[in-house]
Amino acid sequence: MTHSMTAFASRTGTLGSASWSWELRGVNARGLDMRFRMPDGIEGLETALRSALTKVLARGNVTVNLRLNREDTGGALAVDEPYLDEVLKALDLVQERAFAMGVTLGQPTAADVLSQRGVLVAAKTDEDAQALADALIADVAPLVADFVNMRVSEGAALAAVVAAQLDQIEKLTHAAAKAAEARAPQVKESLTTALRRVMDDVAEIDEARIAQELAVLAVKSDVTEEIDRLMAHVVAAKDLLGQDKPAGRKFDFLAQEFNREANTLCAKAQAPVLTAIGLDLKAVIDQMREQIQNVE
């Protein structure tokens, strides 16, 4: 089944005074690139996300956003010791500068220090932190599942578009084969005319050289190999659509080969009808290449 690299999933949750929202986005990329934007200090969360995503994704640029809010419940308070140290250092610096400038300041009391914003915070126990981490980690599996489901849904729609384009390429290739067969008398006449012109202008005829030149001209106008390769590429591409494993890289390679054969077909056409078919082929192939950029 074809998967798209473009997808989106979101999820929300609450635990006590904490609430959160997830956003998981994916776009196309050459490899698998994962980026995480989450609060620090949630042990095991990024590891769980990486493990879950690498199990189900092969390619794509994936971004995970987690917004976490913790309300102040008015419960027990605790001193943020690292922040308190910064406040005390700042007070000490103020006292030293004032003394150096001959200014006398009163000593701040403990109440003055505690009144500074950020010194007193709502107490968080280890049990609270672990419970929150467990709840967030439990969200990972359903979040990733929703993301994969959208990739599958988008991939099914993408596969339908590519399948229709392959059918169109196949029809145009058959039309090219018929057009090449129809132009055979014209090509033969052109070669015969060229041969007569050479024979009229040359006193001594080197039959081996003439045969060699005619063979070169015949090869330059023969599109049988290009048509055969186009049909083989169509079969290979349809087979890729039915595979369960990621096939985006192979699709991209096939698209390049499709384009190469269509270019050669146009170069060898030597007939307006065949040239028009070759140009139509190039247009459909370009459209298909745009679509398969999102195939995993």
Protein backbone atom coordinates (compact mmCIF):
# COMPACT_ATOMS: atom_id res chain seq x y z
CA MET A 1 0.00 0.00 0.00
CA THR A 2 1.32 3.44 -0.98
CA HIS A 3 1.89 5.88 1.88
CA SER A 4 2.08 9.64 1.53
CA MET A 5 4.74 11.60 3.41
CA THR A 6 2.27 14.45 3.91
CA ALA A 7 0.10 14.05 7.02
CA PHE A 8 -1.09 15.72 10.22
CA ALA A 9 -2.30 14.50 13.61
CA SER A 10 -3.25 16.27 16.84
CA ARG A 11 -4.23 15.22 20.33
CA THR A 12 -5.03 16.86 23.67
CA GLY A 13 -5.01 15.64 27.26
CA THR A 14 -5.18 16.66 30.91
CA LEU A 15 -3.85 15.36 34.21
CA GLY A 16 -4.66 17.22 37.39
CA SER A 17 -3.63 20.84 36.92
CA ALA A 18 -1.66 20.06 33.73
CA SER A 19 -3.05 20.19 30.19
CA TRP A 20 -1.33 19.63 26.88
CA SER A 21 -1.80 19.55 23.12
CA TRP A 22 0.13 17.63 20.50
CA GLU A 23 0.72 18.46 16.83
CA LEU A 24 2.45 15.99 14.53
CA ARG A 25 3.18 17.16 10.98
CA GLY A 26 4.90 15.47 8.06
CA VAL A 27 6.07 16.63 4.62
CA ASN A 28 8.20 15.05 1.92
CA ALA A 29 11.97 14.61 2.31
CA ARG A 30 14.75 12.46 0.90
CA GLY A 31 15.25 10.63 4.19
CA LEU A 32 13.70 10.52 7.65
CA ASP A 33 14.23 13.78 9.53
CA MET A 34 12.55 14.17 12.95
CA ARG A 35 12.35 17.42 14.93
CA PHE A 36 10.92 17.75 18.45
CA ARG A 37 9.70 20.94 20.11
CA MET A 38 8.80 20.01 23.67
CA PRO A 39 9.32 21.23 27.23
CA ASP A 40 12.48 20.01 28.93
CA GLY A 41 12.54 17.70 31.90
CA ILE A 42 10.01 15.05 30.78
CA GLU A 43 12.07 11.92 31.12
CA GLY A 44 11.73 9.28 28.40
CA LEU A 45 9.31 11.21 26.18
CA GLU A 46 11.59 11.96 23.23
CA THR A 47 12.96 8.43 23.31
CA ALA A 48 9.43 7.02 23.17
CA LEU A 49 8.56 9.30 20.25
CA ARG A 50 11.68 8.42 18.27
CA SER A 51 11.12 4.72 18.80
CA ALA A 52 7.45 4.86 17.78
CA LEU A 53 8.09 6.95 14.67
CA THR A 54 11.09 5.01 13.35
CA LYS A 55 9.08 1.78 13.55
CA VAL A 56 6.43 3.02 11.12
CA LEU A 57 8.19 5.68 8.98
CA ALA A 58 10.90 5.30 6.37
CA ARG A 59 10.99 8.80 4.85
CA GLY A 60 9.65 12.27 5.57
CA ASN A 61 10.35 15.50 7.41
CA VAL A 62 8.43 15.06 10.69
CA THR A 63 7.90 17.78 13.30
CA VAL A 64 6.43 17.09 16.75
CA ASN A 65 5.12 20.00 18.84
CA LEU A 66 4.00 19.63 22.46
CA ARG A 67 2.44 22.56 24.34
CA LEU A 68 2.22 21.95 28.07
CA ASN A 69 0.38 24.17 30.56
CA ARG A 70 0.50 23.76 34.35
CA GLU A 71 -2.00 25.78 36.35
CA ASP A 72 -1.21 27.19 39.78
CA THR A 73 -3.57 25.31 42.10
CA GLY A 74 -2.69 27.34 45.22
CA GLY A 75 -1.32 24.31 46.98
CA ALA A 76 2.01 23.79 48.68
CA LEU A 77 4.85 26.14 47.78
CA ALA A 78 8.51 25.46 47.29
CA VAL A 79 11.60 27.61 46.80
CA ASP A 80 13.18 27.49 43.37
CA GLU A 81 16.73 27.22 44.68
CA PRO A 82 18.63 27.86 41.45
CA TYR A 83 16.55 30.99 40.83
CA LEU A 84 16.98 32.08 44.46
CA ASP A 85 20.76 31.89 44.01
CA GLU A 86 20.51 34.22 41.00
CA VAL A 87 18.39 36.70 42.99
CA LEU A 88 20.85 36.69 45.90
CA LYS A 89 23.78 37.25 43.53
CA ALA A 90 21.95 40.20 42.03
CA LEU A 91 21.26 41.68 45.49
CA ASP A 92 24.89 41.25 46.50
CA LEU A 93 25.99 43.04 43.30
CA VAL A 94 23.62 45.92 44.05
CA GLN A 95 25.00 46.24 47.60
CA GLU A 96 28.61 46.31 46.38
CA ARG A 97 27.92 48.94 43.72
CA ALA A 98 26.01 51.10 46.20
CA PHE A 99 28.85 50.87 48.75
CA ALA A 100 31.41 51.81 46.07
CA MET A 101 29.38 54.93 45.24
CA GLY A 102 28.87 55.89 48.90
CA VAL A 103 25.23 55.01 48.99
CA THR A 104 23.86 53.22 52.05
CA LEU A 105 21.16 50.64 51.45
CA GLY A 106 19.15 48.76 53.99
CA GLN A 107 19.61 45.02 54.18
CA PRO A 108 16.77 43.11 52.43
CA THR A 109 14.77 40.81 54.63
CA ALA A 110 13.83 37.24 53.86
CA ALA A 111 10.32 38.47 53.04
CA ASP A 112 11.79 40.91 50.51
CA VAL A 113 13.66 38.09 48.81
CA LEU A 114 10.67 35.72 48.79
CA SER A 115 8.50 38.44 47.27
CA GLN A 116 10.62 38.40 44.12
CA ARG A 117 8.69 36.75 41.31
CA GLY A 118 9.81 33.20 40.57
CA VAL A 119 11.46 32.50 43.93
CA LEU A 120 8.37 30.77 45.32
CA VAL A 121 6.76 28.24 43.01
CA ALA A 122 4.10 25.60 43.32
CA ALA A 123 5.62 22.47 44.81
CA LYS A 124 6.00 19.56 42.44
CA THR A 125 6.71 16.11 43.80
CA ASP A 126 8.59 13.42 41.96
CA GLU A 127 5.35 11.45 41.86
CA ASP A 128 3.60 14.31 40.03
CA ALA A 129 6.39 14.58 37.47
CA GLN A 130 6.45 10.84 36.84
CA ALA A 131 2.66 10.66 36.50
CA LEU A 132 2.75 13.45 33.93
CA ALA A 133 5.56 11.77 32.00
CA ASP A 134 3.65 8.48 31.98
CA ALA A 135 0.49 10.20 30.73
CA LEU A 136 2.36 11.94 27.92
CA ILE A 137 4.18 8.76 26.90
CA ALA A 138 0.83 6.94 26.83
CA ASP A 139 -0.34 9.54 24.29
CA VAL A 140 2.46 8.69 21.87
CA ALA A 141 0.99 5.46 20.45
CA PRO A 142 -2.47 6.84 19.55
CA LEU A 143 -0.92 10.07 18.22
CA VAL A 144 1.41 8.17 15.89
CA ALA A 145 -1.43 5.82 14.88
CA ASP A 146 -3.58 8.79 13.81
CA PHE A 147 -0.63 10.18 11.87
CA VAL A 148 -0.01 6.90 10.06
CA ASN A 149 -3.72 6.52 9.26
CA MET A 150 -3.69 9.89 7.51
CA ARG A 151 -0.54 8.92 5.59
CA VAL A 152 -2.34 5.77 4.46
CA SER A 153 -5.46 7.72 3.45
CA GLU A 154 -3.44 10.32 1.59
CA GLY A 155 -1.37 7.55 0.03
CA ALA A 156 -4.47 5.78 -1.31
CA ALA A 157 -5.61 8.98 -3.01
CA LEU A 158 -2.09 9.54 -4.33
CA ALA A 159 -1.90 5.98 -5.67
CA ALA A 160 -5.19 6.46 -7.55
CA VAL A 161 -3.84 9.60 -9.23
CA VAL A 162 -0.54 7.94 -10.18
CA ALA A 163 -2.36 4.81 -11.44
CA ALA A 164 -4.52 6.96 -13.73
CA GLN A 165 -1.41 8.73 -15.02
CA LEU A 166 0.30 5.39 -15.69
CA ASP A 167 -2.77 4.26 -17.65
CA GLN A 168 -2.53 7.43 -19.71
CA ILE A 169 1.19 6.84 -20.32
CA GLU A 170 0.42 3.29 -21.41
CA LYS A 171 -2.25 4.47 -23.89
CA LEU A 172 0.07 7.11 -25.31
CA THR A 173 2.86 4.54 -25.67
CA HIS A 174 0.53 2.24 -27.64
CA ALA A 175 -0.45 5.23 -29.77
CA ALA A 176 3.25 5.98 -30.33
CA ALA A 177 3.83 2.40 -31.50
CA LYS A 178 0.99 2.71 -34.03
CA ALA A 179 2.22 6.11 -35.19
CA ALA A 180 5.75 4.74 -35.64
CA GLU A 181 4.38 1.85 -37.69
CA ALA A 182 2.29 4.23 -39.80
CA ARG A 183 5.26 6.46 -40.60
CA ALA A 184 7.36 3.48 -41.85
CA PRO A 185 6.62 4.13 -45.56
CA GLN A 186 7.54 7.79 -45.10
CA VAL A 187 10.83 6.89 -43.44
CA LYS A 188 11.60 4.37 -46.19
CA GLU A 189 10.89 6.97 -48.85
CA SER A 190 13.13 9.49 -47.11
CA LEU A 191 15.98 6.99 -46.91
CA THR A 192 15.53 6.02 -50.56
CA THR A 193 15.54 9.67 -51.65
CA ALA A 194 18.69 10.30 -49.65
CA LEU A 195 20.33 7.24 -51.20
CA ARG A 196 19.48 8.35 -54.75
CA ARG A 197 20.85 11.83 -54.06
CA VAL A 198 24.14 10.36 -52.85
CA MET A 199 24.41 8.01 -55.81
CA ASP A 200 23.77 10.85 -58.28
CA ASP A 201 26.43 13.08 -56.71
CA VAL A 202 29.17 10.45 -56.34
CA ALA A 203 31.06 9.09 -59.33
CA GLU A 204 32.45 6.05 -57.53
CA ILE A 205 30.07 4.34 -55.14
CA ASP A 206 31.37 2.60 -52.02
CA GLU A 207 28.53 0.19 -51.38
CA ALA A 208 29.80 -0.74 -47.92
CA ARG A 209 29.92 2.93 -46.88
CA ILE A 210 26.43 3.53 -48.24
CA ALA A 211 25.09 0.52 -46.35
CA GLN A 212 26.75 1.77 -43.19
CA GLU A 213 25.27 5.26 -43.52
CA LEU A 214 21.81 3.87 -44.22
CA ALA A 215 22.07 1.64 -41.17
CA VAL A 216 22.96 4.68 -39.03
CA LEU A 217 19.99 6.63 -40.39
CA ALA A 218 17.68 3.69 -39.76
CA VAL A 219 18.82 3.39 -36.14
CA LYS A 220 18.35 7.12 -35.58
CA SER A 221 14.74 6.91 -36.71
CA ASP A 222 13.82 3.60 -35.03
CA VAL A 223 11.83 4.11 -31.79
CA THR A 224 11.12 0.44 -31.06
CA GLU A 225 13.50 0.28 -28.11
CA GLU A 226 12.09 3.47 -26.56
CA ILE A 227 8.53 2.16 -26.83
CA ASP A 228 9.51 -1.22 -25.37
CA ARG A 229 11.26 0.46 -22.43
CA LEU A 230 8.31 2.76 -21.78
CA MET A 231 5.99 -0.24 -21.58
CA ALA A 232 8.43 -2.03 -19.26
CA HIS A 233 8.56 1.04 -17.00
CA VAL A 234 4.75 1.15 -16.85
CA VAL A 235 4.65 -2.49 -15.71
CA ALA A 236 7.36 -1.85 -13.08
CA ALA A 237 5.60 1.28 -11.78
CA LYS A 238 2.24 -0.49 -11.45
CA ASP A 239 3.99 -3.28 -9.56
CA LEU A 240 5.46 -0.72 -7.14
CA LEU A 241 1.99 0.70 -6.47
CA GLY A 242 0.88 -2.69 -5.18
CA GLN A 243 3.81 -3.22 -2.80
CA ASP A 244 3.52 -2.76 0.97
CA LYS A 245 7.03 -1.43 1.50
CA PRO A 246 8.14 2.16 0.79
CA ALA A 247 8.80 2.70 -2.92
CA GLY A 248 9.19 6.46 -3.31
CA ARG A 249 12.88 6.33 -4.25
CA LYS A 250 12.26 3.68 -6.92
CA PHE A 251 9.33 5.69 -8.24
CA ASP A 252 11.55 8.74 -8.54
CA PHE A 253 14.14 6.76 -10.49
CA LEU A 254 11.47 5.33 -12.81
CA ALA A 255 10.09 8.81 -13.44
CA GLN A 256 13.53 9.92 -14.60
CA GLU A 257 13.72 6.92 -16.93
CA PHE A 258 10.22 7.65 -18.27
CA ASN A 259 11.32 11.18 -19.08
CA ARG A 260 14.53 10.00 -20.75
CA GLU A 261 12.66 7.67 -23.11
CA ALA A 262 10.05 10.32 -23.93
CA ASN A 263 12.81 12.82 -24.81
CA THR A 264 14.50 10.29 -27.09
CA LEU A 265 11.16 9.44 -28.71
CA CYS A 266 10.59 13.12 -29.55
CA ALA A 267 14.14 13.43 -30.92
CA LYS A 268 13.64 10.46 -33.25
CA ALA A 269 10.02 11.19 -34.19
CA GLN A 270 10.49 12.64 -37.72
CA ALA A 271 6.70 12.85 -37.96
CA PRO A 272 4.28 15.46 -36.57
CA VAL A 273 1.89 12.87 -35.14
CA LEU A 274 4.64 10.99 -33.29
CA THR A 275 6.14 14.26 -32.04
CA ALA A 276 2.76 15.33 -30.64
CA ILE A 277 2.39 12.00 -28.83
CA GLY A 278 5.90 12.37 -27.41
CA LEU A 279 5.09 15.83 -26.08
CA ASP A 280 1.88 14.54 -24.48
CA LEU A 281 3.93 11.79 -22.85
CA LYS A 282 6.38 14.33 -21.43
CA ALA A 283 3.51 16.39 -19.98
CA VAL A 284 1.92 13.40 -18.21
CA ILE A 285 5.30 12.19 -16.96
CA ASP A 286 6.06 15.62 -15.47
CA GLN A 287 2.68 15.60 -13.70
CA MET A 288 3.41 12.12 -12.34
CA ARG A 289 6.85 13.20 -11.09
CA GLU A 290 5.23 15.97 -9.06
CA GLN A 291 2.85 13.49 -7.43
CA ILE A 292 5.44 10.88 -6.54
CA GLN A 293 7.54 13.44 -4.67
CA ASN A 294 5.14 12.77 -1.76
CA VAL A 295 5.32 8.96 -1.99
CA GLU A 296 7.18 7.46 0.97
